[in-house]
Amino acid sequence: MNMQAILKSMRGQPKTVEQLQATLDALDIEGLEAAAENLEVERRRVLLDGTDKDLEAIEAKIASANRDIERAYAAKTELTKRLEAAKAAATESELRARYDAAKAKADAAGQKLQREYPELAKRLVSLIRTLAEADVAVEEANRQLPADAPPLLPAEIVVRRRPGTNEKIISEKEVSLWCHANSWDLFAENRQAEADAREKEHAANWNGLPPDGIIHVNGGHRVQKRRFLRRTYIPSSGAIPHSPLASIELPGLVGGDPPFWDQHRVGIYSSRSILARLQELATLKPAPPAEAGQPVVELIPIAEDARNNSEEAA
């Protein structure tokens, strides 16, 4: 991009950060200065070999080249200033967009909280009450069961407790494996076949194993074969307890509002305690708004020296 094109691009409507950066990158001040230097070299040659007309022509080119250099430096300064301003504006625009988006999201979340939380909390409280009432009924029924009737379990235990599992045997098989002599410690698994081969050598060459059943394998190891029951099974697992639903906290929507549910003086495993707390919560009232507060009259002592100073000033 030549100097005239650069100057033209700087006129008109404000440019974006990308456009300003591209124009700034297109400035080739070093190239302009090199071209002007070449013209100076040519001028010195014309001084000796050319005519006055030739000299005027080369000096006109030098003047034009020097003006382009000055324009380039001026353009660089101006473009740098505009670029910094554009970046600042773009940053502010991005910050504003992010702020506005966050505010919109927060406003929507607040509206959803205000709209949905009280109803959700009331539904959970209703469920806590239903479970507690059912547990009381189960407790009373279990005190005197009908003939052949098993005791009842609380509903929450039936639904939410994860029961344990018994051990499950997949297979059992008797196997013979080589162990270190006079112990039940297994010989290396990757050398069991080597011991089997030595056993076959004994059978072929010495009509069987020694009386004690111990044979020697490479490396100075003494081994003997022992019988094992190889059992494959899934281990048993214990039951996984649950946290009672009554262990949750459901605060009021606004500070000062009574909670929908809390555990204040409540045994969360006691259904009657839960029902008593629910009855107590139903009687609580929200705190009055700030503007509804009663006026307070206060008497503030005034020191004698302060009163005298006030009278003197009057």
C-alpha atoms as a PDB file:
ATOM      1  CA  MET A   1       0.000   0.000   0.000  1.00  0.00           C
ATOM      2  CA  ASN A   2       1.567   3.322  -1.128  1.00  0.00           C
ATOM      3  CA  MET A   3       1.524   6.491   0.938  1.00  0.00           C
ATOM      4  CA  GLN A   4      -1.414   8.046  -0.885  1.00  0.00           C
ATOM      5  CA  ALA A   5      -3.501   4.919  -0.391  1.00  0.00           C
ATOM      6  CA  ILE A   6      -2.644   4.928   3.314  1.00  0.00           C
ATOM      7  CA  LEU A   7      -3.643   8.590   3.673  1.00  0.00           C
ATOM      8  CA  LYS A   8      -6.887   7.895   1.813  1.00  0.00           C
ATOM      9  CA  SER A   9      -7.714   4.963   4.102  1.00  0.00           C
ATOM     10  CA  MET A  10      -7.321   7.238   7.139  1.00  0.00           C
ATOM     11  CA  ARG A  11     -10.075   9.563   5.948  1.00  0.00           C
ATOM     12  CA  GLY A  12     -13.805   8.969   6.251  1.00  0.00           C
ATOM     13  CA  GLN A  13     -15.636   6.881   8.840  1.00  0.00           C
ATOM     14  CA  PRO A  14     -13.881   5.625  12.010  1.00  0.00           C
ATOM     15  CA  LYS A  15     -12.113   2.344  11.423  1.00  0.00           C
ATOM     16  CA  THR A  16     -12.146  -0.869  13.412  1.00  0.00           C
ATOM     17  CA  VAL A  17      -9.191  -2.141  15.416  1.00  0.00           C
ATOM     18  CA  GLU A  18      -8.430  -4.652  12.665  1.00  0.00           C
ATOM     19  CA  GLN A  19      -8.542  -2.003   9.906  1.00  0.00           C
ATOM     20  CA  LEU A  20      -6.331   0.416  11.833  1.00  0.00           C
ATOM     21  CA  GLN A  21      -3.826  -2.322  12.640  1.00  0.00           C
ATOM     22  CA  ALA A  22      -3.707  -3.389   8.983  1.00  0.00           C
ATOM     23  CA  THR A  23      -3.045   0.207   7.870  1.00  0.00           C
ATOM     24  CA  LEU A  24      -0.349   0.634  10.527  1.00  0.00           C
ATOM     25  CA  ASP A  25       1.306  -2.606   9.431  1.00  0.00           C
ATOM     26  CA  ALA A  26       1.265  -1.377   5.818  1.00  0.00           C
ATOM     27  CA  LEU A  27       3.452   1.632   6.690  1.00  0.00           C
ATOM     28  CA  ASP A  28       6.963   0.920   5.376  1.00  0.00           C
ATOM     29  CA  ILE A  29       9.004   3.791   6.769  1.00  0.00           C
ATOM     30  CA  GLU A  30      12.258   1.910   6.338  1.00  0.00           C
ATOM     31  CA  GLY A  31      11.427   1.325   2.690  1.00  0.00           C
ATOM     32  CA  LEU A  32      10.600   5.006   2.156  1.00  0.00           C
ATOM     33  CA  GLU A  33      13.859   6.087   3.803  1.00  0.00           C
ATOM     34  CA  ALA A  34      15.839   3.599   1.716  1.00  0.00           C
ATOM     35  CA  ALA A  35      14.191   4.938  -1.465  1.00  0.00           C
ATOM     36  CA  ALA A  36      15.029   8.522  -0.449  1.00  0.00           C
ATOM     37  CA  GLU A  37      18.640   7.533   0.204  1.00  0.00           C
ATOM     38  CA  ASN A  38      18.851   5.964  -3.250  1.00  0.00           C
ATOM     39  CA  LEU A  39      17.568   9.227  -4.737  1.00  0.00           C
ATOM     40  CA  GLU A  40      20.286  11.144  -2.863  1.00  0.00           C
ATOM     41  CA  VAL A  41      22.880   8.828  -4.385  1.00  0.00           C
ATOM     42  CA  GLU A  42      21.362   9.446  -7.814  1.00  0.00           C
ATOM     43  CA  ARG A  43      21.408  13.241  -7.185  1.00  0.00           C
ATOM     44  CA  ARG A  44      25.148  13.155  -6.452  1.00  0.00           C
ATOM     45  CA  ARG A  45      25.716  11.348  -9.719  1.00  0.00           C
ATOM     46  CA  VAL A  46      23.574  13.861 -11.643  1.00  0.00           C
ATOM     47  CA  LEU A  47      25.539  16.745 -10.079  1.00  0.00           C
ATOM     48  CA  LEU A  48      28.568  15.467 -11.924  1.00  0.00           C
ATOM     49  CA  ASP A  49      27.104  13.934 -15.041  1.00  0.00           C
ATOM     50  CA  GLY A  50      23.666  15.468 -15.626  1.00  0.00           C
ATOM     51  CA  THR A  51      22.148  18.718 -16.758  1.00  0.00           C
ATOM     52  CA  ASP A  52      20.385  21.329 -14.651  1.00  0.00           C
ATOM     53  CA  LYS A  53      17.086  19.931 -15.899  1.00  0.00           C
ATOM     54  CA  ASP A  54      18.103  16.441 -14.775  1.00  0.00           C
ATOM     55  CA  LEU A  55      19.099  17.860 -11.386  1.00  0.00           C
ATOM     56  CA  GLU A  56      15.753  19.658 -10.969  1.00  0.00           C
ATOM     57  CA  ALA A  57      13.928  16.441 -11.776  1.00  0.00           C
ATOM     58  CA  ILE A  58      15.844  14.341  -9.242  1.00  0.00           C
ATOM     59  CA  GLU A  59      15.517  17.037  -6.558  1.00  0.00           C
ATOM     60  CA  ALA A  60      11.760  17.102  -7.114  1.00  0.00           C
ATOM     61  CA  LYS A  61      11.680  13.342  -6.550  1.00  0.00           C
ATOM     62  CA  ILE A  62      13.777  13.734  -3.395  1.00  0.00           C
ATOM     63  CA  ALA A  63      11.428  16.428  -2.069  1.00  0.00           C
ATOM     64  CA  SER A  64       8.429  14.189  -2.759  1.00  0.00           C
ATOM     65  CA  ALA A  65      10.153  11.217  -1.100  1.00  0.00           C
ATOM     66  CA  ASN A  66      10.986  13.272   1.994  1.00  0.00           C
ATOM     67  CA  ARG A  67       7.385  14.487   2.221  1.00  0.00           C
ATOM     68  CA  ASP A  68       6.236  10.856   2.091  1.00  0.00           C
ATOM     69  CA  ILE A  69       8.611  10.035   4.952  1.00  0.00           C
ATOM     70  CA  GLU A  70       7.241  12.921   7.024  1.00  0.00           C
ATOM     71  CA  ARG A  71       3.695  11.863   6.187  1.00  0.00           C
ATOM     72  CA  ALA A  72       4.555   8.270   7.175  1.00  0.00           C
ATOM     73  CA  TYR A  73       5.838   9.327  10.604  1.00  0.00           C
ATOM     74  CA  ALA A  74       2.817  11.580  11.112  1.00  0.00           C
ATOM     75  CA  ALA A  75       0.503   8.791   9.966  1.00  0.00           C
ATOM     76  CA  LYS A  76       2.193   6.320  12.332  1.00  0.00           C
ATOM     77  CA  THR A  77       1.668   8.657  15.279  1.00  0.00           C
ATOM     78  CA  GLU A  78      -1.971   9.289  14.374  1.00  0.00           C
ATOM     79  CA  LEU A  79      -2.734   5.649  13.602  1.00  0.00           C
ATOM     80  CA  THR A  80      -1.172   4.536  16.887  1.00  0.00           C
ATOM     81  CA  LYS A  81      -3.332   7.034  18.775  1.00  0.00           C
ATOM     82  CA  ARG A  82      -6.470   5.959  16.913  1.00  0.00           C
ATOM     83  CA  LEU A  83      -5.628   2.287  17.435  1.00  0.00           C
ATOM     84  CA  GLU A  84      -5.253   2.736  21.195  1.00  0.00           C
ATOM     85  CA  ALA A  85      -8.552   4.621  21.327  1.00  0.00           C
ATOM     86  CA  ALA A  86     -10.281   1.945  19.242  1.00  0.00           C
ATOM     87  CA  LYS A  87      -8.908  -0.820  21.472  1.00  0.00           C
ATOM     88  CA  ALA A  88     -10.087   1.017  24.570  1.00  0.00           C
ATOM     89  CA  ALA A  89     -13.526   1.475  23.020  1.00  0.00           C
ATOM     90  CA  ALA A  90     -13.630  -2.185  22.003  1.00  0.00           C
ATOM     91  CA  THR A  91     -12.599  -3.247  25.507  1.00  0.00           C
ATOM     92  CA  GLU A  92     -15.248  -1.035  27.057  1.00  0.00           C
ATOM     93  CA  SER A  93     -17.787  -2.444  24.601  1.00  0.00           C
ATOM     94  CA  GLU A  94     -16.818  -6.000  25.532  1.00  0.00           C
ATOM     95  CA  LEU A  95     -16.984  -5.181  29.238  1.00  0.00           C
ATOM     96  CA  ARG A  96     -20.391  -3.584  28.784  1.00  0.00           C
ATOM     97  CA  ALA A  97     -21.660  -6.564  26.790  1.00  0.00           C
ATOM     98  CA  ARG A  98     -20.378  -8.994  29.436  1.00  0.00           C
ATOM     99  CA  TYR A  99     -21.868  -6.879  32.221  1.00  0.00           C
ATOM    100  CA  ASP A 100     -25.242  -6.626  30.480  1.00  0.00           C
ATOM    101  CA  ALA A 101     -25.284 -10.377  29.805  1.00  0.00           C
ATOM    102  CA  ALA A 102     -24.419 -11.156  33.439  1.00  0.00           C
ATOM    103  CA  LYS A 103     -27.084  -8.737  34.694  1.00  0.00           C
ATOM    104  CA  ALA A 104     -29.701 -10.288  32.425  1.00  0.00           C
ATOM    105  CA  LYS A 105     -28.763 -13.766  33.648  1.00  0.00           C
ATOM    106  CA  ALA A 106     -28.815 -12.666  37.294  1.00  0.00           C
ATOM    107  CA  ASP A 107     -32.181 -10.938  36.847  1.00  0.00           C
ATOM    108  CA  ALA A 108     -33.643 -14.054  35.225  1.00  0.00           C
ATOM    109  CA  ALA A 109     -32.224 -16.266  37.989  1.00  0.00           C
ATOM    110  CA  GLY A 110     -33.631 -13.979  40.671  1.00  0.00           C
ATOM    111  CA  GLN A 111     -37.063 -14.003  39.071  1.00  0.00           C
ATOM    112  CA  LYS A 112     -36.961 -17.792  38.810  1.00  0.00           C
ATOM    113  CA  LEU A 113     -35.893 -18.068  42.461  1.00  0.00           C
ATOM    114  CA  GLN A 114     -38.696 -15.784  43.576  1.00  0.00           C
ATOM    115  CA  ARG A 115     -41.220 -17.599  41.405  1.00  0.00           C
ATOM    116  CA  GLU A 116     -40.253 -21.228  41.984  1.00  0.00           C
ATOM    117  CA  TYR A 117     -38.437 -21.611  45.311  1.00  0.00           C
ATOM    118  CA  PRO A 118     -41.369 -21.001  47.686  1.00  0.00           C
ATOM    119  CA  GLU A 119     -43.502 -23.556  45.852  1.00  0.00           C
ATOM    120  CA  LEU A 120     -40.680 -26.113  45.708  1.00  0.00           C
ATOM    121  CA  ALA A 121     -39.930 -25.606  49.412  1.00  0.00           C
ATOM    122  CA  LYS A 122     -43.598 -26.061  50.327  1.00  0.00           C
ATOM    123  CA  ARG A 123     -43.767 -29.275  48.305  1.00  0.00           C
ATOM    124  CA  LEU A 124     -40.685 -30.626  50.082  1.00  0.00           C
ATOM    125  CA  VAL A 125     -42.114 -29.659  53.472  1.00  0.00           C
ATOM    126  CA  SER A 126     -45.331 -31.463  52.538  1.00  0.00           C
ATOM    127  CA  LEU A 127     -43.283 -34.541  51.657  1.00  0.00           C
ATOM    128  CA  ILE A 128     -41.371 -34.363  54.960  1.00  0.00           C
ATOM    129  CA  ARG A 129     -44.694 -34.168  56.814  1.00  0.00           C
ATOM    130  CA  THR A 130     -46.165 -37.086  54.833  1.00  0.00           C
ATOM    131  CA  LEU A 131     -43.134 -39.268  55.603  1.00  0.00           C
ATOM    132  CA  ALA A 132     -43.189 -38.351  59.305  1.00  0.00           C
ATOM    133  CA  GLU A 133     -46.911 -39.082  59.612  1.00  0.00           C
ATOM    134  CA  ALA A 134     -46.439 -42.416  57.853  1.00  0.00           C
ATOM    135  CA  ASP A 135     -43.534 -43.289  60.172  1.00  0.00           C
ATOM    136  CA  VAL A 136     -45.689 -42.590  63.230  1.00  0.00           C
ATOM    137  CA  ALA A 137     -48.378 -44.887  61.827  1.00  0.00           C
ATOM    138  CA  VAL A 138     -45.781 -47.614  61.148  1.00  0.00           C
ATOM    139  CA  GLU A 139     -44.359 -47.265  64.656  1.00  0.00           C
ATOM    140  CA  GLU A 140     -47.805 -47.647  66.225  1.00  0.00           C
ATOM    141  CA  ALA A 141     -48.716 -50.598  63.997  1.00  0.00           C
ATOM    142  CA  ASN A 142     -45.460 -52.393  64.837  1.00  0.00           C
ATOM    143  CA  ARG A 143     -46.221 -52.206  68.566  1.00  0.00           C
ATOM    144  CA  GLN A 144     -48.943 -54.836  68.137  1.00  0.00           C
ATOM    145  CA  LEU A 145     -48.743 -56.732  64.861  1.00  0.00           C
ATOM    146  CA  PRO A 146     -51.476 -58.936  63.392  1.00  0.00           C
ATOM    147  CA  ALA A 147     -50.834 -62.653  63.343  1.00  0.00           C
ATOM    148  CA  ASP A 148     -48.090 -63.701  60.909  1.00  0.00           C
ATOM    149  CA  ALA A 149     -47.488 -60.079  59.807  1.00  0.00           C
ATOM    150  CA  PRO A 150     -43.841 -58.967  59.572  1.00  0.00           C
ATOM    151  CA  PRO A 151     -42.876 -55.609  61.106  1.00  0.00           C
ATOM    152  CA  LEU A 152     -43.226 -52.657  58.759  1.00  0.00           C
ATOM    153  CA  LEU A 153     -40.290 -50.508  57.721  1.00  0.00           C
ATOM    154  CA  PRO A 154     -40.457 -46.709  57.447  1.00  0.00           C
ATOM    155  CA  ALA A 155     -41.246 -45.584  53.906  1.00  0.00           C
ATOM    156  CA  GLU A 156     -38.006 -43.649  53.500  1.00  0.00           C
ATOM    157  CA  ILE A 157     -35.928 -46.690  54.428  1.00  0.00           C
ATOM    158  CA  VAL A 158     -37.830 -48.859  51.953  1.00  0.00           C
ATOM    159  CA  VAL A 159     -37.348 -46.376  49.118  1.00  0.00           C
ATOM    160  CA  ARG A 160     -33.962 -44.814  49.781  1.00  0.00           C
ATOM    161  CA  ARG A 161     -31.748 -47.301  51.607  1.00  0.00           C
ATOM    162  CA  ARG A 162     -29.416 -49.215  49.299  1.00  0.00           C
ATOM    163  CA  PRO A 163     -29.436 -52.811  50.603  1.00  0.00           C
ATOM    164  CA  GLY A 164     -26.309 -54.893  50.919  1.00  0.00           C
ATOM    165  CA  THR A 165     -25.593 -58.022  48.873  1.00  0.00           C
ATOM    166  CA  ASN A 166     -24.524 -61.511  49.877  1.00  0.00           C
ATOM    167  CA  GLU A 167     -21.398 -63.156  48.608  1.00  0.00           C
ATOM    168  CA  LYS A 168     -22.018 -64.799  45.227  1.00  0.00           C
ATOM    169  CA  ILE A 169     -19.906 -67.802  44.233  1.00  0.00           C
ATOM    170  CA  ILE A 170     -19.333 -67.995  40.491  1.00  0.00           C
ATOM    171  CA  SER A 171     -17.240 -71.169  40.370  1.00  0.00           C
ATOM    172  CA  GLU A 172     -15.221 -73.578  42.530  1.00  0.00           C
ATOM    173  CA  LYS A 173     -12.549 -75.909  41.187  1.00  0.00           C
ATOM    174  CA  GLU A 174      -9.840 -78.034  42.803  1.00  0.00           C
ATOM    175  CA  VAL A 175      -6.368 -77.299  41.377  1.00  0.00           C
ATOM    176  CA  SER A 176      -2.792 -78.413  42.093  1.00  0.00           C
ATOM    177  CA  LEU A 177      -0.097 -75.741  42.164  1.00  0.00           C
ATOM    178  CA  TRP A 178       3.574 -75.653  43.005  1.00  0.00           C
ATOM    179  CA  CYS A 179       4.567 -73.974  46.271  1.00  0.00           C
ATOM    180  CA  HIS A 180       7.868 -73.319  47.932  1.00  0.00           C
ATOM    181  CA  ALA A 181       8.909 -76.402  49.877  1.00  0.00           C
ATOM    182  CA  ASN A 182       7.254 -76.877  53.275  1.00  0.00           C
ATOM    183  CA  SER A 183       5.018 -73.821  52.857  1.00  0.00           C
ATOM    184  CA  TRP A 184       1.810 -72.708  51.198  1.00  0.00           C
ATOM    185  CA  ASP A 185       3.534 -69.801  49.453  1.00  0.00           C
ATOM    186  CA  LEU A 186       2.937 -70.156  45.728  1.00  0.00           C
ATOM    187  CA  PHE A 187       5.909 -70.561  43.432  1.00  0.00           C
ATOM    188  CA  ALA A 188       6.045 -67.869  40.728  1.00  0.00           C
ATOM    189  CA  GLU A 189       3.076 -68.192  38.361  1.00  0.00           C
ATOM    190  CA  ASN A 190       5.277 -67.810  35.281  1.00  0.00           C
ATOM    191  CA  ARG A 191       7.425 -70.766  36.453  1.00  0.00           C
ATOM    192  CA  GLN A 192       4.651 -73.248  37.247  1.00  0.00           C
ATOM    193  CA  ALA A 193       5.083 -74.844  33.801  1.00  0.00           C
ATOM    194  CA  GLU A 194       8.815 -75.226  34.464  1.00  0.00           C
ATOM    195  CA  ALA A 195       8.052 -77.165  37.661  1.00  0.00           C
ATOM    196  CA  ASP A 196       5.535 -79.322  35.743  1.00  0.00           C
ATOM    197  CA  ALA A 197       8.287 -80.184  33.260  1.00  0.00           C
ATOM    198  CA  ARG A 198      10.625 -81.188  36.097  1.00  0.00           C
ATOM    199  CA  GLU A 199       7.869 -83.391  37.510  1.00  0.00           C
ATOM    200  CA  LYS A 200       7.618 -85.191  34.169  1.00  0.00           C
ATOM    201  CA  GLU A 201      11.399 -85.698  34.118  1.00  0.00           C
ATOM    202  CA  HIS A 202      11.201 -87.327  37.544  1.00  0.00           C
ATOM    203  CA  ALA A 203       8.392 -89.590  36.357  1.00  0.00           C
ATOM    204  CA  ALA A 204      10.364 -90.623  33.267  1.00  0.00           C
ATOM    205  CA  ASN A 205      13.783 -91.020  34.855  1.00  0.00           C
ATOM    206  CA  TRP A 206      13.211 -91.848  38.507  1.00  0.00           C
ATOM    207  CA  ASN A 207       9.751 -93.450  38.477  1.00  0.00           C
ATOM    208  CA  GLY A 208       8.079 -90.499  40.175  1.00  0.00           C
ATOM    209  CA  LEU A 209       8.705 -87.813  42.745  1.00  0.00           C
ATOM    210  CA  PRO A 210      10.835 -88.227  45.856  1.00  0.00           C
ATOM    211  CA  PRO A 211       8.993 -89.460  48.971  1.00  0.00           C
ATOM    212  CA  ASP A 212       8.655 -85.932  50.355  1.00  0.00           C
ATOM    213  CA  GLY A 213       7.357 -84.681  46.984  1.00  0.00           C
ATOM    214  CA  ILE A 214       9.989 -81.934  46.829  1.00  0.00           C
ATOM    215  CA  ILE A 215      11.827 -81.289  43.553  1.00  0.00           C
ATOM    216  CA  HIS A 216      14.553 -78.851  42.552  1.00  0.00           C
ATOM    217  CA  VAL A 217      14.147 -76.293  39.752  1.00  0.00           C
ATOM    218  CA  ASN A 218      16.633 -73.883  38.218  1.00  0.00           C
ATOM    219  CA  GLY A 219      17.855 -71.154  40.524  1.00  0.00           C
ATOM    220  CA  GLY A 220      18.163 -73.366  43.585  1.00  0.00           C
ATOM    221  CA  HIS A 221      14.426 -73.417  44.293  1.00  0.00           C
ATOM    222  CA  ARG A 222      12.840 -76.353  46.117  1.00  0.00           C
ATOM    223  CA  VAL A 223       9.150 -76.762  45.365  1.00  0.00           C
ATOM    224  CA  GLN A 224       6.347 -79.176  46.099  1.00  0.00           C
ATOM    225  CA  LYS A 225       2.833 -79.514  44.724  1.00  0.00           C
ATOM    226  CA  ARG A 226      -0.148 -78.687  46.904  1.00  0.00           C
ATOM    227  CA  ARG A 227      -3.910 -78.793  46.345  1.00  0.00           C
ATOM    228  CA  PHE A 228      -6.065 -75.672  46.404  1.00  0.00           C
ATOM    229  CA  LEU A 229      -9.732 -74.898  45.960  1.00  0.00           C
ATOM    230  CA  ARG A 230      -9.860 -72.118  43.389  1.00  0.00           C
ATOM    231  CA  ARG A 231     -12.997 -70.148  44.091  1.00  0.00           C
ATOM    232  CA  THR A 232     -14.227 -67.243  41.988  1.00  0.00           C
ATOM    233  CA  TYR A 233     -16.830 -65.072  43.676  1.00  0.00           C
ATOM    234  CA  ILE A 234     -18.321 -61.603  44.026  1.00  0.00           C
ATOM    235  CA  PRO A 235     -17.714 -60.334  47.581  1.00  0.00           C
ATOM    236  CA  SER A 236     -20.588 -59.324  49.804  1.00  0.00           C
ATOM    237  CA  SER A 237     -21.306 -55.632  50.285  1.00  0.00           C
ATOM    238  CA  GLY A 238     -22.827 -53.783  53.189  1.00  0.00           C
ATOM    239  CA  ALA A 239     -25.942 -51.676  53.032  1.00  0.00           C
ATOM    240  CA  ILE A 240     -25.374 -48.006  52.198  1.00  0.00           C
ATOM    241  CA  PRO A 241     -27.271 -45.729  54.586  1.00  0.00           C
ATOM    242  CA  HIS A 242     -29.159 -42.665  53.407  1.00  0.00           C
ATOM    243  CA  SER A 243     -29.442 -39.176  54.831  1.00  0.00           C
ATOM    244  CA  PRO A 244     -33.046 -38.541  55.893  1.00  0.00           C
ATOM    245  CA  LEU A 245     -34.927 -36.000  53.837  1.00  0.00           C
ATOM    246  CA  ALA A 246     -35.498 -34.076  57.066  1.00  0.00           C
ATOM    247  CA  SER A 247     -31.741 -33.361  57.215  1.00  0.00           C
ATOM    248  CA  ILE A 248     -32.081 -30.663  54.538  1.00  0.00           C
ATOM    249  CA  GLU A 249     -32.389 -26.942  55.281  1.00  0.00           C
ATOM    250  CA  LEU A 250     -35.026 -24.823  53.537  1.00  0.00           C
ATOM    251  CA  PRO A 251     -34.510 -21.176  54.535  1.00  0.00           C
ATOM    252  CA  GLY A 252     -37.140 -18.522  53.978  1.00  0.00           C
ATOM    253  CA  LEU A 253     -37.039 -16.662  50.688  1.00  0.00           C
ATOM    254  CA  VAL A 254     -36.096 -13.278  52.187  1.00  0.00           C
ATOM    255  CA  GLY A 255     -33.886 -12.565  55.186  1.00  0.00           C
ATOM    256  CA  GLY A 256     -36.100 -12.385  58.271  1.00  0.00           C
ATOM    257  CA  ASP A 257     -38.675 -14.793  56.843  1.00  0.00           C
ATOM    258  CA  PRO A 258     -39.193 -17.940  58.930  1.00  0.00           C
ATOM    259  CA  PRO A 259     -37.645 -21.044  57.384  1.00  0.00           C
ATOM    260  CA  PHE A 260     -39.829 -23.403  55.437  1.00  0.00           C
ATOM    261  CA  TRP A 261     -37.950 -26.159  57.258  1.00  0.00           C
ATOM    262  CA  ASP A 262     -34.939 -26.421  59.560  1.00  0.00           C
ATOM    263  CA  GLN A 263     -33.568 -28.838  62.160  1.00  0.00           C
ATOM    264  CA  HIS A 264     -33.762 -26.505  65.160  1.00  0.00           C
ATOM    265  CA  ARG A 265     -34.175 -28.754  68.231  1.00  0.00           C
ATOM    266  CA  VAL A 266     -35.184 -31.601  65.921  1.00  0.00           C
ATOM    267  CA  GLY A 267     -34.124 -35.231  66.020  1.00  0.00           C
ATOM    268  CA  ILE A 268     -34.187 -36.008  62.311  1.00  0.00           C
ATOM    269  CA  TYR A 269     -34.721 -39.692  63.081  1.00  0.00           C
ATOM    270  CA  SER A 270     -37.712 -38.908  65.309  1.00  0.00           C
ATOM    271  CA  SER A 271     -40.955 -38.548  63.361  1.00  0.00           C
ATOM    272  CA  ARG A 272     -42.766 -36.966  66.295  1.00  0.00           C
ATOM    273  CA  SER A 273     -39.976 -34.413  66.715  1.00  0.00           C
ATOM    274  CA  ILE A 274     -40.245 -33.543  63.023  1.00  0.00           C
ATOM    275  CA  LEU A 275     -44.022 -33.077  63.231  1.00  0.00           C
ATOM    276  CA  ALA A 276     -43.655 -30.882  66.317  1.00  0.00           C
ATOM    277  CA  ARG A 277     -41.154 -28.632  64.531  1.00  0.00           C
ATOM    278  CA  LEU A 278     -43.428 -28.364  61.493  1.00  0.00           C
ATOM    279  CA  GLN A 279     -46.265 -27.248  63.744  1.00  0.00           C
ATOM    280  CA  GLU A 280     -43.984 -24.687  65.387  1.00  0.00           C
ATOM    281  CA  LEU A 281     -42.766 -23.311  62.047  1.00  0.00           C
ATOM    282  CA  ALA A 282     -46.342 -22.806  60.902  1.00  0.00           C
ATOM    283  CA  THR A 283     -46.869 -20.258  63.694  1.00  0.00           C
ATOM    284  CA  LEU A 284     -43.811 -18.104  62.916  1.00  0.00           C
ATOM    285  CA  LYS A 285     -44.312 -14.734  61.239  1.00  0.00           C
ATOM    286  CA  PRO A 286     -41.948 -12.847  58.918  1.00  0.00           C
ATOM    287  CA  ALA A 287     -39.894 -10.012  60.394  1.00  0.00           C
ATOM    288  CA  PRO A 288     -41.543  -6.609  59.750  1.00  0.00           C
ATOM    289  CA  PRO A 289     -40.066  -4.538  56.912  1.00  0.00           C
ATOM    290  CA  ALA A 290     -37.530  -1.876  57.859  1.00  0.00           C
ATOM    291  CA  GLU A 291     -39.912   0.982  57.148  1.00  0.00           C
ATOM    292  CA  ALA A 292     -42.453  -0.493  59.562  1.00  0.00           C
ATOM    293  CA  GLY A 293     -40.141  -0.132  62.560  1.00  0.00           C
ATOM    294  CA  GLN A 294     -41.302   1.857  65.600  1.00  0.00           C
ATOM    295  CA  PRO A 295     -39.651   5.271  66.250  1.00  0.00           C
ATOM    296  CA  VAL A 296     -37.173   5.358  69.108  1.00  0.00           C
ATOM    297  CA  VAL A 297     -36.695   8.414  71.381  1.00  0.00           C
ATOM    298  CA  GLU A 298     -33.143   8.858  72.669  1.00  0.00           C
ATOM    299  CA  LEU A 299     -31.787  11.469  75.120  1.00  0.00           C
ATOM    300  CA  ILE A 300     -28.174  12.405  74.450  1.00  0.00           C
ATOM    301  CA  PRO A 301     -26.368  14.250  77.305  1.00  0.00           C
ATOM    302  CA  ILE A 302     -24.784  17.581  76.386  1.00  0.00           C
ATOM    303  CA  ALA A 303     -21.584  18.495  78.250  1.00  0.00           C
ATOM    304  CA  GLU A 304     -21.618  21.813  80.162  1.00  0.00           C
ATOM    305  CA  ASP A 305     -18.570  23.236  78.350  1.00  0.00           C
ATOM    306  CA  ALA A 306     -20.175  22.475  75.009  1.00  0.00           C
ATOM    307  CA  ARG A 307     -23.364  24.363  76.066  1.00  0.00           C
ATOM    308  CA  ASN A 308     -21.340  27.372  77.250  1.00  0.00           C
ATOM    309  CA  ASN A 309     -19.418  27.489  73.982  1.00  0.00           C
ATOM    310  CA  SER A 310     -22.723  27.414  72.112  1.00  0.00           C
ATOM    311  CA  GLU A 311     -24.123  30.329  74.153  1.00  0.00           C
ATOM    312  CA  GLU A 312     -20.953  32.399  73.631  1.00  0.00           C
ATOM    313  CA  ALA A 313     -21.124  31.849  69.912  1.00  0.00           C
ATOM    314  CA  ALA A 314     -24.713  33.129  69.901  1.00  0.00           C
END
